[in-house]
Amino acid sequence: MNPRHYVDLKENSRELQPTYYFMINCLLYSRMETGLVSNQDYYDEDVNVYLAHLLHSFINPEYVEQSKKFLSKYDTDVFRRLSNSTDSRLKYLIYKTNADFLLVSIGIFDNPMVPAANRRSQPSEEAYVGRGKTYYHFAYSYSQQMHRKNVGVSDVLEKLSMGFEKYIRILSHMRGEYLDLVKRLSDGEVYHLERSVNEHQQQELLRVKQDELLELYSAWRSEPTKEAEESLQRVVSEIRQINPSFKFELPKR
């Protein structure tokens, strides 16, 4: 069956309907059932539309695959990638994608990418919530540069930053009452999901370190100082931690 359509078993017609309708209906029911109805504190029907489209996107493997290049498991990885970039669009996409995945991970999957045995060594949910709020706030800031003619996108990101905890509560209710996805994933499936993400992150980190090595090597050739040589040795060591077979030696001068 096309994952973008579903059959509502409660309806007699049994007609195919867009999966987006399922997401928005479950979301609105969850808002009513939690008492966190739309427009209670401020207008946020636009957030409903955004969240329904976001959840619908996760059904599409292409969306998940394309998003991997923007994802990072740790704050340090995010900030390291951003520190070397002056591209506002890239910064916007990195912050927004990581915020979206944190929101869905906490709300819908209840952090399934973290094995239960390792959760004690992981940041608390409050820390993840803080990251999500911060990422959405930065995405909002950069979106003002990217979407000057479409302030609607910026407005939604700002609301998600301010009301992150509220939207997690809504999605958590939706998870338990309408989706129940976590119970459908076996330990093996969760392991392979985590391994896939980690492998992609390692490859991305390797690429960044290789670029850094080339820049340092070029600087060393221009000015072969002791400091430049030590920096090269540091980066080579970091690359070997990712790829033990990597070999590099400075030419003798």
C-alpha atoms as a PDB file:
ATOM      1  CA  MET A   1       0.000   0.000   0.000  1.00  0.00           C
ATOM      2  CA  ASN A   2       1.198   3.520  -0.726  1.00  0.00           C
ATOM      3  CA  PRO A   3       2.456   4.869   2.642  1.00  0.00           C
ATOM      4  CA  ARG A   4       1.045   8.273   1.742  1.00  0.00           C
ATOM      5  CA  HIS A   5      -2.489   6.908   1.933  1.00  0.00           C
ATOM      6  CA  TYR A   6      -4.401   4.961   4.544  1.00  0.00           C
ATOM      7  CA  VAL A   7      -7.783   3.351   5.084  1.00  0.00           C
ATOM      8  CA  ASP A   8      -9.846   4.542   8.019  1.00  0.00           C
ATOM      9  CA  LEU A   9     -11.356   1.339   9.397  1.00  0.00           C
ATOM     10  CA  LYS A  10     -13.972   3.342  11.284  1.00  0.00           C
ATOM     11  CA  GLU A  11     -15.455   4.529   8.007  1.00  0.00           C
ATOM     12  CA  ASN A  12     -17.783   2.324   6.003  1.00  0.00           C
ATOM     13  CA  SER A  13     -16.491   3.523   2.645  1.00  0.00           C
ATOM     14  CA  ARG A  14     -12.966   2.041   3.129  1.00  0.00           C
ATOM     15  CA  GLU A  15     -11.663   4.634   0.660  1.00  0.00           C
ATOM     16  CA  LEU A  16      -7.991   5.558   0.520  1.00  0.00           C
ATOM     17  CA  GLN A  17      -7.278   8.884   2.175  1.00  0.00           C
ATOM     18  CA  PRO A  18      -4.085  10.958   2.315  1.00  0.00           C
ATOM     19  CA  THR A  19      -1.972  10.021   5.351  1.00  0.00           C
ATOM     20  CA  TYR A  20      -1.702  13.734   6.157  1.00  0.00           C
ATOM     21  CA  TYR A  21      -5.407  13.679   7.125  1.00  0.00           C
ATOM     22  CA  PHE A  22      -4.691  10.881   9.587  1.00  0.00           C
ATOM     23  CA  MET A  23      -1.854  12.882  11.153  1.00  0.00           C
ATOM     24  CA  ILE A  24      -3.813  16.108  11.484  1.00  0.00           C
ATOM     25  CA  ASN A  25      -6.874  14.319  12.903  1.00  0.00           C
ATOM     26  CA  CYS A  26      -4.805  12.455  15.508  1.00  0.00           C
ATOM     27  CA  LEU A  27      -3.020  15.673  16.393  1.00  0.00           C
ATOM     28  CA  LEU A  28      -6.246  17.644  16.874  1.00  0.00           C
ATOM     29  CA  TYR A  29      -7.825  14.863  18.942  1.00  0.00           C
ATOM     30  CA  SER A  30      -4.679  14.732  21.066  1.00  0.00           C
ATOM     31  CA  ARG A  31      -4.871  18.469  21.674  1.00  0.00           C
ATOM     32  CA  MET A  32      -8.454  18.204  22.848  1.00  0.00           C
ATOM     33  CA  GLU A  33      -7.821  15.142  25.017  1.00  0.00           C
ATOM     34  CA  THR A  34      -4.836  16.762  26.764  1.00  0.00           C
ATOM     35  CA  GLY A  35      -6.650  20.067  27.240  1.00  0.00           C
ATOM     36  CA  LEU A  36      -3.980  21.822  25.160  1.00  0.00           C
ATOM     37  CA  VAL A  37      -6.414  23.024  22.530  1.00  0.00           C
ATOM     38  CA  SER A  38      -5.453  25.187  19.601  1.00  0.00           C
ATOM     39  CA  ASN A  39      -5.221  28.958  20.057  1.00  0.00           C
ATOM     40  CA  GLN A  40      -5.411  28.645  23.847  1.00  0.00           C
ATOM     41  CA  ASP A  41      -2.447  30.894  24.643  1.00  0.00           C
ATOM     42  CA  TYR A  42      -1.839  32.296  21.179  1.00  0.00           C
ATOM     43  CA  TYR A  43      -2.808  31.498  17.619  1.00  0.00           C
ATOM     44  CA  ASP A  44      -1.111  28.211  16.721  1.00  0.00           C
ATOM     45  CA  GLU A  45      -3.238  26.484  14.118  1.00  0.00           C
ATOM     46  CA  ASP A  46      -0.263  27.058  11.837  1.00  0.00           C
ATOM     47  CA  VAL A  47       1.799  24.864  14.192  1.00  0.00           C
ATOM     48  CA  ASN A  48      -0.782  22.077  13.766  1.00  0.00           C
ATOM     49  CA  VAL A  49      -0.278  22.187  10.014  1.00  0.00           C
ATOM     50  CA  TYR A  50       3.510  22.209  10.401  1.00  0.00           C
ATOM     51  CA  LEU A  51       3.510  19.237  12.809  1.00  0.00           C
ATOM     52  CA  ALA A  52       1.131  17.194  10.654  1.00  0.00           C
ATOM     53  CA  HIS A  53       3.324  17.748   7.602  1.00  0.00           C
ATOM     54  CA  LEU A  54       6.436  16.925   9.650  1.00  0.00           C
ATOM     55  CA  LEU A  55       4.963  13.624  10.875  1.00  0.00           C
ATOM     56  CA  HIS A  56       3.782  12.843   7.366  1.00  0.00           C
ATOM     57  CA  SER A  57       7.326  13.465   6.087  1.00  0.00           C
ATOM     58  CA  PHE A  58       8.720  10.753   8.348  1.00  0.00           C
ATOM     59  CA  ILE A  59       6.746   8.173   6.379  1.00  0.00           C
ATOM     60  CA  ASN A  60       8.821   9.068   3.329  1.00  0.00           C
ATOM     61  CA  PRO A  61      12.224   7.276   3.371  1.00  0.00           C
ATOM     62  CA  GLU A  62      13.638   9.884   0.988  1.00  0.00           C
ATOM     63  CA  TYR A  63      12.979  12.661   3.509  1.00  0.00           C
ATOM     64  CA  VAL A  64      14.732  10.758   6.289  1.00  0.00           C
ATOM     65  CA  GLU A  65      17.673   9.914   4.029  1.00  0.00           C
ATOM     66  CA  GLN A  66      18.071  13.519   2.857  1.00  0.00           C
ATOM     67  CA  SER A  67      17.886  14.784   6.436  1.00  0.00           C
ATOM     68  CA  LYS A  68      20.788  12.617   7.622  1.00  0.00           C
ATOM     69  CA  LYS A  69      23.401  14.996   6.224  1.00  0.00           C
ATOM     70  CA  PHE A  70      22.140  17.754   8.542  1.00  0.00           C
ATOM     71  CA  LEU A  71      21.801  15.648  11.699  1.00  0.00           C
ATOM     72  CA  SER A  72      24.294  15.445  14.554  1.00  0.00           C
ATOM     73  CA  LYS A  73      23.934  13.441  17.741  1.00  0.00           C
ATOM     74  CA  TYR A  74      25.751  15.930  19.988  1.00  0.00           C
ATOM     75  CA  ASP A  75      25.746  19.701  20.439  1.00  0.00           C
ATOM     76  CA  THR A  76      29.498  19.820  19.876  1.00  0.00           C
ATOM     77  CA  ASP A  77      29.095  18.256  16.435  1.00  0.00           C
ATOM     78  CA  VAL A  78      26.397  20.769  15.498  1.00  0.00           C
ATOM     79  CA  PHE A  79      28.403  23.782  16.640  1.00  0.00           C
ATOM     80  CA  ARG A  80      31.615  22.500  15.032  1.00  0.00           C
ATOM     81  CA  ARG A  81      29.905  22.222  11.652  1.00  0.00           C
ATOM     82  CA  LEU A  82      28.363  25.668  12.025  1.00  0.00           C
ATOM     83  CA  SER A  83      31.561  27.380  13.160  1.00  0.00           C
ATOM     84  CA  ASN A  84      33.145  26.764   9.753  1.00  0.00           C
ATOM     85  CA  SER A  85      30.172  27.988   7.729  1.00  0.00           C
ATOM     86  CA  THR A  86      28.980  31.436   6.699  1.00  0.00           C
ATOM     87  CA  ASP A  87      26.004  30.060   4.743  1.00  0.00           C
ATOM     88  CA  SER A  88      22.817  31.221   6.469  1.00  0.00           C
ATOM     89  CA  ARG A  89      20.707  28.698   4.584  1.00  0.00           C
ATOM     90  CA  LEU A  90      22.906  25.806   5.723  1.00  0.00           C
ATOM     91  CA  LYS A  91      22.775  27.018   9.323  1.00  0.00           C
ATOM     92  CA  TYR A  92      18.990  27.320   9.078  1.00  0.00           C
ATOM     93  CA  LEU A  93      18.646  23.773   7.727  1.00  0.00           C
ATOM     94  CA  ILE A  94      20.975  22.286  10.344  1.00  0.00           C
ATOM     95  CA  TYR A  95      19.186  23.933  13.274  1.00  0.00           C
ATOM     96  CA  LYS A  96      15.696  23.264  11.909  1.00  0.00           C
ATOM     97  CA  THR A  97      16.353  19.611  10.995  1.00  0.00           C
ATOM     98  CA  ASN A  98      17.944  18.803  14.354  1.00  0.00           C
ATOM     99  CA  ALA A  99      15.091  20.547  16.179  1.00  0.00           C
ATOM    100  CA  ASP A 100      12.476  18.656  14.159  1.00  0.00           C
ATOM    101  CA  PHE A 101      14.120  15.298  14.827  1.00  0.00           C
ATOM    102  CA  LEU A 102      14.470  16.037  18.548  1.00  0.00           C
ATOM    103  CA  LEU A 103      10.794  16.960  18.751  1.00  0.00           C
ATOM    104  CA  VAL A 104       9.686  13.780  16.989  1.00  0.00           C
ATOM    105  CA  SER A 105      12.230  11.619  18.817  1.00  0.00           C
ATOM    106  CA  ILE A 106      11.059  12.755  22.248  1.00  0.00           C
ATOM    107  CA  GLY A 107       7.364  13.130  21.480  1.00  0.00           C
ATOM    108  CA  ILE A 108       6.638  10.219  19.165  1.00  0.00           C
ATOM    109  CA  PHE A 109       9.456   7.721  19.742  1.00  0.00           C
ATOM    110  CA  ASP A 110      10.316   8.527  23.378  1.00  0.00           C
ATOM    111  CA  ASN A 111      14.034   8.589  22.520  1.00  0.00           C
ATOM    112  CA  PRO A 112      14.135   5.107  20.936  1.00  0.00           C
ATOM    113  CA  MET A 113      17.585   5.758  19.486  1.00  0.00           C
ATOM    114  CA  VAL A 114      19.008   5.562  23.008  1.00  0.00           C
ATOM    115  CA  PRO A 115      19.274   1.929  24.209  1.00  0.00           C
ATOM    116  CA  ALA A 116      17.710   1.431  27.625  1.00  0.00           C
ATOM    117  CA  ALA A 117      21.001   0.129  29.058  1.00  0.00           C
ATOM    118  CA  ASN A 118      22.765   3.379  28.142  1.00  0.00           C
ATOM    119  CA  ARG A 119      20.132   5.895  29.177  1.00  0.00           C
ATOM    120  CA  ARG A 120      21.766   6.635  32.530  1.00  0.00           C
ATOM    121  CA  SER A 121      24.815   7.994  30.732  1.00  0.00           C
ATOM    122  CA  GLN A 122      22.722  10.066  28.334  1.00  0.00           C
ATOM    123  CA  PRO A 123      21.525  13.640  28.909  1.00  0.00           C
ATOM    124  CA  SER A 124      18.201  13.967  30.716  1.00  0.00           C
ATOM    125  CA  GLU A 125      14.993  14.662  28.836  1.00  0.00           C
ATOM    126  CA  GLU A 126      15.190  18.229  30.182  1.00  0.00           C
ATOM    127  CA  ALA A 127      18.537  18.603  28.412  1.00  0.00           C
ATOM    128  CA  TYR A 128      17.047  17.348  25.147  1.00  0.00           C
ATOM    129  CA  VAL A 129      14.127  19.741  25.583  1.00  0.00           C
ATOM    130  CA  GLY A 130      16.561  22.596  26.136  1.00  0.00           C
ATOM    131  CA  ARG A 131      18.413  21.672  22.960  1.00  0.00           C
ATOM    132  CA  GLY A 132      15.177  21.527  20.990  1.00  0.00           C
ATOM    133  CA  LYS A 133      14.062  24.946  22.202  1.00  0.00           C
ATOM    134  CA  THR A 134      17.484  26.426  21.422  1.00  0.00           C
ATOM    135  CA  TYR A 135      17.693  24.858  17.961  1.00  0.00           C
ATOM    136  CA  TYR A 136      14.236  26.128  17.030  1.00  0.00           C
ATOM    137  CA  HIS A 137      15.165  29.598  18.314  1.00  0.00           C
ATOM    138  CA  PHE A 138      18.283  29.703  16.122  1.00  0.00           C
ATOM    139  CA  ALA A 139      16.328  28.275  13.176  1.00  0.00           C
ATOM    140  CA  TYR A 140      13.804  31.062  13.721  1.00  0.00           C
ATOM    141  CA  SER A 141      16.581  33.676  13.679  1.00  0.00           C
ATOM    142  CA  TYR A 142      18.059  32.392  10.422  1.00  0.00           C
ATOM    143  CA  SER A 143      14.635  31.871   8.883  1.00  0.00           C
ATOM    144  CA  GLN A 144      14.043  35.606   9.135  1.00  0.00           C
ATOM    145  CA  GLN A 145      16.905  35.997   6.680  1.00  0.00           C
ATOM    146  CA  MET A 146      15.736  33.119   4.501  1.00  0.00           C
ATOM    147  CA  HIS A 147      11.987  33.827   4.459  1.00  0.00           C
ATOM    148  CA  ARG A 148      11.631  37.594   4.562  1.00  0.00           C
ATOM    149  CA  LYS A 149       8.593  37.418   2.284  1.00  0.00           C
ATOM    150  CA  ASN A 150       7.085  34.444   4.080  1.00  0.00           C
ATOM    151  CA  VAL A 151       6.974  35.345   7.769  1.00  0.00           C
ATOM    152  CA  GLY A 152       4.650  32.377   8.412  1.00  0.00           C
ATOM    153  CA  VAL A 153       7.587  29.964   8.557  1.00  0.00           C
ATOM    154  CA  SER A 154       9.423  32.158  11.057  1.00  0.00           C
ATOM    155  CA  ASP A 155       6.298  32.509  13.197  1.00  0.00           C
ATOM    156  CA  VAL A 156       5.876  28.730  13.447  1.00  0.00           C
ATOM    157  CA  LEU A 157       9.509  28.163  14.417  1.00  0.00           C
ATOM    158  CA  GLU A 158       9.269  30.831  17.101  1.00  0.00           C
ATOM    159  CA  LYS A 159       6.122  29.219  18.531  1.00  0.00           C
ATOM    160  CA  LEU A 160       7.787  25.795  18.520  1.00  0.00           C
ATOM    161  CA  SER A 161      10.711  27.246  20.445  1.00  0.00           C
ATOM    162  CA  MET A 162       8.479  28.919  23.036  1.00  0.00           C
ATOM    163  CA  GLY A 163       6.040  26.014  23.414  1.00  0.00           C
ATOM    164  CA  PHE A 164       8.380  23.057  22.895  1.00  0.00           C
ATOM    165  CA  GLU A 165       7.286  21.289  26.098  1.00  0.00           C
ATOM    166  CA  LYS A 166       3.608  21.731  25.257  1.00  0.00           C
ATOM    167  CA  TYR A 167       3.971  20.219  21.797  1.00  0.00           C
ATOM    168  CA  ILE A 168       5.930  17.303  23.228  1.00  0.00           C
ATOM    169  CA  ARG A 169       3.025  16.598  25.603  1.00  0.00           C
ATOM    170  CA  ILE A 170       0.616  16.601  22.672  1.00  0.00           C
ATOM    171  CA  LEU A 171       2.803  14.302  20.578  1.00  0.00           C
ATOM    172  CA  SER A 172       3.404  11.988  23.548  1.00  0.00           C
ATOM    173  CA  HIS A 173      -0.355  11.594  23.985  1.00  0.00           C
ATOM    174  CA  MET A 174      -0.686  10.989  20.249  1.00  0.00           C
ATOM    175  CA  ARG A 175       2.026   8.320  20.496  1.00  0.00           C
ATOM    176  CA  GLY A 176       0.247   6.389  23.227  1.00  0.00           C
ATOM    177  CA  GLU A 177      -3.314   6.736  21.996  1.00  0.00           C
ATOM    178  CA  TYR A 178      -3.036   6.658  18.210  1.00  0.00           C
ATOM    179  CA  LEU A 179       0.388   5.506  17.017  1.00  0.00           C
ATOM    180  CA  ASP A 180       1.973   3.188  19.589  1.00  0.00           C
ATOM    181  CA  LEU A 181       5.073   3.034  17.404  1.00  0.00           C
ATOM    182  CA  VAL A 182       7.669   2.192  20.008  1.00  0.00           C
ATOM    183  CA  LYS A 183       6.129  -1.184  20.838  1.00  0.00           C
ATOM    184  CA  ARG A 184       6.124  -2.069  17.157  1.00  0.00           C
ATOM    185  CA  LEU A 185       9.893  -1.658  16.847  1.00  0.00           C
ATOM    186  CA  SER A 186      11.938  -4.643  17.974  1.00  0.00           C
ATOM    187  CA  ASP A 187      15.269  -4.226  19.761  1.00  0.00           C
ATOM    188  CA  GLY A 188      16.989  -5.369  16.574  1.00  0.00           C
ATOM    189  CA  GLU A 189      15.248  -2.734  14.471  1.00  0.00           C
ATOM    190  CA  VAL A 190      16.165  -0.004  16.953  1.00  0.00           C
ATOM    191  CA  TYR A 191      19.775  -1.230  16.931  1.00  0.00           C
ATOM    192  CA  HIS A 192      19.968  -1.034  13.139  1.00  0.00           C
ATOM    193  CA  LEU A 193      18.401   2.435  13.105  1.00  0.00           C
ATOM    194  CA  GLU A 194      20.932   3.677  15.631  1.00  0.00           C
ATOM    195  CA  ARG A 195      23.809   2.011  13.779  1.00  0.00           C
ATOM    196  CA  SER A 196      22.739   3.580  10.471  1.00  0.00           C
ATOM    197  CA  VAL A 197      22.648   7.081  11.959  1.00  0.00           C
ATOM    198  CA  ASN A 198      25.987   6.613  13.753  1.00  0.00           C
ATOM    199  CA  GLU A 199      27.707   5.336  10.614  1.00  0.00           C
ATOM    200  CA  HIS A 200      26.494   8.341   8.655  1.00  0.00           C
ATOM    201  CA  GLN A 201      27.716  10.714  11.373  1.00  0.00           C
ATOM    202  CA  GLN A 202      31.121   9.025  11.437  1.00  0.00           C
ATOM    203  CA  GLN A 203      31.457   9.421   7.668  1.00  0.00           C
ATOM    204  CA  GLU A 204      30.449  13.069   7.901  1.00  0.00           C
ATOM    205  CA  LEU A 205      32.961  13.663  10.707  1.00  0.00           C
ATOM    206  CA  LEU A 206      35.660  11.886   8.681  1.00  0.00           C
ATOM    207  CA  ARG A 207      35.022  14.188   5.740  1.00  0.00           C
ATOM    208  CA  VAL A 208      35.296  17.276   7.970  1.00  0.00           C
ATOM    209  CA  LYS A 209      38.575  16.008   9.478  1.00  0.00           C
ATOM    210  CA  GLN A 210      40.012  15.251   6.038  1.00  0.00           C
ATOM    211  CA  ASP A 211      39.229  18.802   4.909  1.00  0.00           C
ATOM    212  CA  GLU A 212      40.865  20.122   8.072  1.00  0.00           C
ATOM    213  CA  LEU A 213      43.936  17.980   7.399  1.00  0.00           C
ATOM    214  CA  LEU A 214      44.316  19.404   3.886  1.00  0.00           C
ATOM    215  CA  GLU A 215      44.068  22.971   5.192  1.00  0.00           C
ATOM    216  CA  LEU A 216      46.619  22.333   7.939  1.00  0.00           C
ATOM    217  CA  TYR A 217      48.980  20.590   5.539  1.00  0.00           C
ATOM    218  CA  SER A 218      48.807  23.525   3.149  1.00  0.00           C
ATOM    219  CA  ALA A 219      49.553  25.903   6.033  1.00  0.00           C
ATOM    220  CA  TRP A 220      52.460  23.710   7.183  1.00  0.00           C
ATOM    221  CA  ARG A 221      54.012  23.728   3.706  1.00  0.00           C
ATOM    222  CA  SER A 222      53.859  27.515   3.655  1.00  0.00           C
ATOM    223  CA  GLU A 223      55.212  27.847   7.195  1.00  0.00           C
ATOM    224  CA  PRO A 224      56.482  24.569   8.734  1.00  0.00           C
ATOM    225  CA  THR A 225      56.304  25.587  12.376  1.00  0.00           C
ATOM    226  CA  LYS A 226      56.223  23.285  15.399  1.00  0.00           C
ATOM    227  CA  GLU A 227      52.669  24.402  16.170  1.00  0.00           C
ATOM    228  CA  ALA A 228      51.494  23.536  12.639  1.00  0.00           C
ATOM    229  CA  GLU A 229      53.114  20.097  12.900  1.00  0.00           C
ATOM    230  CA  GLU A 230      51.430  19.414  16.246  1.00  0.00           C
ATOM    231  CA  SER A 231      48.045  20.422  14.790  1.00  0.00           C
ATOM    232  CA  LEU A 232      48.589  18.032  11.893  1.00  0.00           C
ATOM    233  CA  GLN A 233      49.472  15.191  14.264  1.00  0.00           C
ATOM    234  CA  ARG A 234      46.337  15.890  16.294  1.00  0.00           C
ATOM    235  CA  VAL A 235      44.047  15.725  13.251  1.00  0.00           C
ATOM    236  CA  VAL A 236      45.772  12.585  11.936  1.00  0.00           C
ATOM    237  CA  SER A 237      45.173  10.947  15.324  1.00  0.00           C
ATOM    238  CA  GLU A 238      41.492  11.939  15.235  1.00  0.00           C
ATOM    239  CA  ILE A 239      41.120  10.536  11.701  1.00  0.00           C
ATOM    240  CA  ARG A 240      42.729   7.243  12.762  1.00  0.00           C
ATOM    241  CA  GLN A 241      40.174   6.903  15.550  1.00  0.00           C
ATOM    242  CA  ILE A 242      37.507   6.844  12.839  1.00  0.00           C
ATOM    243  CA  ASN A 243      39.544   4.987  10.216  1.00  0.00           C
ATOM    244  CA  PRO A 244      42.406   2.962  11.817  1.00  0.00           C
ATOM    245  CA  SER A 245      43.869   2.106   8.406  1.00  0.00           C
ATOM    246  CA  PHE A 246      44.499   5.778   7.552  1.00  0.00           C
ATOM    247  CA  LYS A 247      48.184   6.558   6.908  1.00  0.00           C
ATOM    248  CA  PHE A 248      49.855   9.954   6.722  1.00  0.00           C
ATOM    249  CA  GLU A 249      53.408  11.110   7.222  1.00  0.00           C
ATOM    250  CA  LEU A 250      54.919  14.527   6.757  1.00  0.00           C
ATOM    251  CA  PRO A 251      57.568  14.664   4.012  1.00  0.00           C
ATOM    252  CA  LYS A 252      61.072  15.270   5.237  1.00  0.00           C
ATOM    253  CA  ARG A 253      62.307  18.750   4.506  1.00  0.00           C
END
